[in-house]
Amino acid sequence: MSQTETPNDIAALSYEQAREQLMNVVNQLEAGSSSLEDSLALWERGEALAKRCEEWLEGAKARLDAARAANAPE
């Protein structure tokens, strides 16, 4: 995984891929061995990955809600 991937690359990630990359970013930031510039880039990437995960979860919730509504008794 490259820290220079673009937001379009993040948009193409599955939930599991985005979550795994987010966990890697968190681990790198917690290690504290990156320069300030690298840490800022990691933070920004982490924010984008977290947003992607949230989008996946919101989409899944919407699908579940729609399925429940379709199967609800009238």
N, C-alpha and C. Protein backbone atom coordinates (compact mmCIF):
# COMPACT_ATOMS: atom_id res chain seq x y z
N MET A 1 0.85 -1.19 0.00
CA MET A 1 0.00 0.00 0.00
C MET A 1 0.88 1.23 0.00
N SER A 2 0.57 2.14 -0.84
CA SER A 2 1.32 3.39 -0.94
C SER A 2 0.54 4.50 -0.26
N GLN A 3 1.27 5.35 0.44
CA GLN A 3 0.61 6.48 1.10
C GLN A 3 0.22 7.55 0.08
N THR A 4 0.67 7.40 -1.16
CA THR A 4 0.39 8.40 -2.18
C THR A 4 -0.83 8.05 -3.02
N GLU A 5 -1.56 7.01 -2.64
CA GLU A 5 -2.77 6.67 -3.38
C GLU A 5 -3.75 7.83 -3.30
N THR A 6 -4.52 7.99 -4.35
CA THR A 6 -5.46 9.10 -4.42
C THR A 6 -6.79 8.73 -3.79
N PRO A 7 -7.63 9.73 -3.51
CA PRO A 7 -8.97 9.43 -2.98
C PRO A 7 -9.77 8.51 -3.91
N ASN A 8 -9.52 8.58 -5.24
CA ASN A 8 -10.21 7.68 -6.16
C ASN A 8 -9.84 6.23 -5.87
N ASP A 9 -8.59 6.00 -5.48
CA ASP A 9 -8.16 4.65 -5.11
C ASP A 9 -8.93 4.19 -3.88
N ILE A 10 -9.12 5.08 -2.93
CA ILE A 10 -9.84 4.74 -1.71
C ILE A 10 -11.30 4.43 -2.02
N ALA A 11 -11.89 5.17 -2.94
CA ALA A 11 -13.29 4.95 -3.31
C ALA A 11 -13.52 3.57 -3.90
N ALA A 12 -12.48 2.97 -4.45
CA ALA A 12 -12.62 1.65 -5.08
C ALA A 12 -12.42 0.50 -4.08
N LEU A 13 -12.06 0.82 -2.84
CA LEU A 13 -11.78 -0.22 -1.85
C LEU A 13 -13.06 -0.83 -1.29
N SER A 14 -12.99 -2.12 -1.01
CA SER A 14 -14.08 -2.77 -0.28
C SER A 14 -13.99 -2.32 1.18
N TYR A 15 -15.04 -2.62 1.93
CA TYR A 15 -15.03 -2.28 3.35
C TYR A 15 -13.84 -2.93 4.05
N GLU A 16 -13.63 -4.20 3.77
CA GLU A 16 -12.55 -4.94 4.44
C GLU A 16 -11.18 -4.37 4.09
N GLN A 17 -10.98 -3.99 2.82
CA GLN A 17 -9.71 -3.40 2.41
C GLN A 17 -9.49 -2.06 3.09
N ALA A 18 -10.52 -1.22 3.11
CA ALA A 18 -10.40 0.09 3.74
C ALA A 18 -10.13 -0.04 5.24
N ARG A 19 -10.83 -0.97 5.89
CA ARG A 19 -10.64 -1.18 7.33
C ARG A 19 -9.22 -1.66 7.62
N GLU A 20 -8.73 -2.59 6.81
CA GLU A 20 -7.37 -3.11 7.02
C GLU A 20 -6.33 -2.00 6.84
N GLN A 21 -6.50 -1.20 5.78
CA GLN A 21 -5.56 -0.11 5.56
C GLN A 21 -5.66 0.93 6.67
N LEU A 22 -6.86 1.18 7.17
CA LEU A 22 -7.03 2.12 8.28
C LEU A 22 -6.31 1.61 9.53
N MET A 23 -6.43 0.33 9.78
CA MET A 23 -5.74 -0.25 10.94
C MET A 23 -4.22 -0.10 10.79
N ASN A 24 -3.71 -0.28 9.57
CA ASN A 24 -2.28 -0.10 9.32
C ASN A 24 -1.85 1.36 9.56
N VAL A 25 -2.68 2.29 9.12
CA VAL A 25 -2.38 3.71 9.33
C VAL A 25 -2.32 4.01 10.83
N VAL A 26 -3.31 3.52 11.56
CA VAL A 26 -3.35 3.75 13.01
C VAL A 26 -2.10 3.18 13.67
N ASN A 27 -1.72 1.96 13.29
CA ASN A 27 -0.52 1.35 13.86
C ASN A 27 0.73 2.17 13.56
N GLN A 28 0.84 2.68 12.34
CA GLN A 28 1.99 3.50 11.98
C GLN A 28 2.02 4.80 12.78
N LEU A 29 0.85 5.41 12.95
CA LEU A 29 0.79 6.65 13.72
C LEU A 29 1.11 6.40 15.19
N GLU A 30 0.61 5.30 15.72
CA GLU A 30 0.88 4.97 17.12
C GLU A 30 2.34 4.67 17.37
N ALA A 31 3.02 4.13 16.36
CA ALA A 31 4.45 3.81 16.50
C ALA A 31 5.27 5.09 16.67
N GLY A 32 4.78 6.19 16.09
CA GLY A 32 5.44 7.48 16.29
C GLY A 32 6.79 7.61 15.63
N SER A 33 7.09 6.76 14.67
CA SER A 33 8.41 6.80 14.04
C SER A 33 8.44 7.59 12.74
N SER A 34 7.31 8.15 12.33
CA SER A 34 7.24 8.90 11.08
C SER A 34 7.57 10.37 11.32
N SER A 35 8.04 11.02 10.26
CA SER A 35 8.28 12.46 10.32
C SER A 35 6.93 13.17 10.43
N LEU A 36 6.97 14.43 10.76
CA LEU A 36 5.74 15.21 10.86
C LEU A 36 4.99 15.21 9.54
N GLU A 37 5.71 15.41 8.44
CA GLU A 37 5.07 15.43 7.12
C GLU A 37 4.42 14.09 6.81
N ASP A 38 5.13 12.99 7.09
CA ASP A 38 4.57 11.66 6.85
C ASP A 38 3.38 11.40 7.77
N SER A 39 3.47 11.85 9.01
CA SER A 39 2.37 11.67 9.95
C SER A 39 1.12 12.40 9.49
N LEU A 40 1.30 13.60 8.97
CA LEU A 40 0.14 14.35 8.45
C LEU A 40 -0.48 13.65 7.25
N ALA A 41 0.36 13.12 6.37
CA ALA A 41 -0.15 12.38 5.21
C ALA A 41 -0.89 11.12 5.66
N LEU A 42 -0.33 10.43 6.65
CA LEU A 42 -1.00 9.25 7.20
C LEU A 42 -2.34 9.63 7.82
N TRP A 43 -2.36 10.72 8.58
CA TRP A 43 -3.60 11.17 9.22
C TRP A 43 -4.67 11.45 8.16
N GLU A 44 -4.28 12.17 7.10
CA GLU A 44 -5.23 12.50 6.04
C GLU A 44 -5.74 11.23 5.36
N ARG A 45 -4.86 10.30 5.12
CA ARG A 45 -5.28 9.03 4.52
C ARG A 45 -6.21 8.28 5.47
N GLY A 46 -5.88 8.29 6.75
CA GLY A 46 -6.74 7.64 7.73
C GLY A 46 -8.13 8.24 7.75
N GLU A 47 -8.22 9.54 7.66
CA GLU A 47 -9.52 10.21 7.62
C GLU A 47 -10.32 9.75 6.40
N ALA A 48 -9.65 9.68 5.24
CA ALA A 48 -10.33 9.26 4.02
C ALA A 48 -10.77 7.79 4.12
N LEU A 49 -9.93 6.96 4.71
CA LEU A 49 -10.27 5.54 4.87
C LEU A 49 -11.43 5.38 5.85
N ALA A 50 -11.43 6.14 6.93
CA ALA A 50 -12.53 6.07 7.90
C ALA A 50 -13.84 6.50 7.25
N LYS A 51 -13.77 7.53 6.41
CA LYS A 51 -14.97 7.98 5.70
C LYS A 51 -15.48 6.89 4.77
N ARG A 52 -14.56 6.20 4.09
CA ARG A 52 -14.95 5.11 3.19
C ARG A 52 -15.64 3.99 3.96
N CYS A 53 -15.09 3.64 5.11
CA CYS A 53 -15.71 2.60 5.94
C CYS A 53 -17.11 3.03 6.36
N GLU A 54 -17.25 4.28 6.74
CA GLU A 54 -18.56 4.79 7.16
C GLU A 54 -19.55 4.74 6.00
N GLU A 55 -19.09 5.08 4.79
CA GLU A 55 -19.97 5.01 3.63
C GLU A 55 -20.46 3.57 3.39
N TRP A 56 -19.55 2.61 3.52
CA TRP A 56 -19.94 1.21 3.37
C TRP A 56 -20.98 0.81 4.41
N LEU A 57 -20.75 1.20 5.65
CA LEU A 57 -21.67 0.82 6.72
C LEU A 57 -23.03 1.49 6.55
N GLU A 58 -23.04 2.75 6.13
CA GLU A 58 -24.31 3.44 5.90
C GLU A 58 -25.07 2.79 4.75
N GLY A 59 -24.33 2.38 3.71
CA GLY A 59 -24.97 1.69 2.58
C GLY A 59 -25.56 0.36 3.00
N ALA A 60 -24.84 -0.37 3.83
CA ALA A 60 -25.34 -1.66 4.31
C ALA A 60 -26.59 -1.46 5.16
N LYS A 61 -26.58 -0.43 6.01
CA LYS A 61 -27.75 -0.14 6.85
C LYS A 61 -28.96 0.21 5.98
N ALA A 62 -28.73 1.01 4.94
CA ALA A 62 -29.83 1.39 4.05
C ALA A 62 -30.41 0.16 3.36
N ARG A 63 -29.55 -0.76 2.94
CA ARG A 63 -30.03 -1.98 2.29
C ARG A 63 -30.83 -2.83 3.26
N LEU A 64 -30.36 -2.93 4.51
CA LEU A 64 -31.11 -3.70 5.51
C LEU A 64 -32.46 -3.06 5.81
N ASP A 65 -32.46 -1.75 5.94
CA ASP A 65 -33.72 -1.03 6.19
C ASP A 65 -34.70 -1.24 5.05
N ALA A 66 -34.19 -1.20 3.81
CA ALA A 66 -35.06 -1.39 2.65
C ALA A 66 -35.61 -2.82 2.62
N ALA A 67 -34.78 -3.79 2.96
CA ALA A 67 -35.23 -5.19 2.99
C ALA A 67 -36.29 -5.40 4.06
N ARG A 68 -36.06 -4.79 5.22
CA ARG A 68 -37.04 -4.90 6.30
C ARG A 68 -38.37 -4.27 5.91
N ALA A 69 -38.30 -3.10 5.27
CA ALA A 69 -39.52 -2.40 4.85
C ALA A 69 -40.27 -3.23 3.79
N ALA A 70 -39.55 -3.87 2.91
CA ALA A 70 -40.18 -4.67 1.86
C ALA A 70 -40.85 -5.91 2.44
N ASN A 71 -40.32 -6.40 3.55
CA ASN A 71 -40.86 -7.63 4.16
C ASN A 71 -41.81 -7.35 5.32
N ALA A 72 -42.03 -6.09 5.63
CA ALA A 72 -42.91 -5.74 6.75
C ALA A 72 -44.37 -6.01 6.39
N PRO A 73 -45.11 -6.52 7.35
CA PRO A 73 -46.54 -6.73 7.10
C PRO A 73 -47.25 -5.40 6.91
N GLU A 74 -48.23 -5.40 6.05
CA GLU A 74 -48.93 -4.14 5.76
C GLU A 74 -49.99 -3.82 6.74
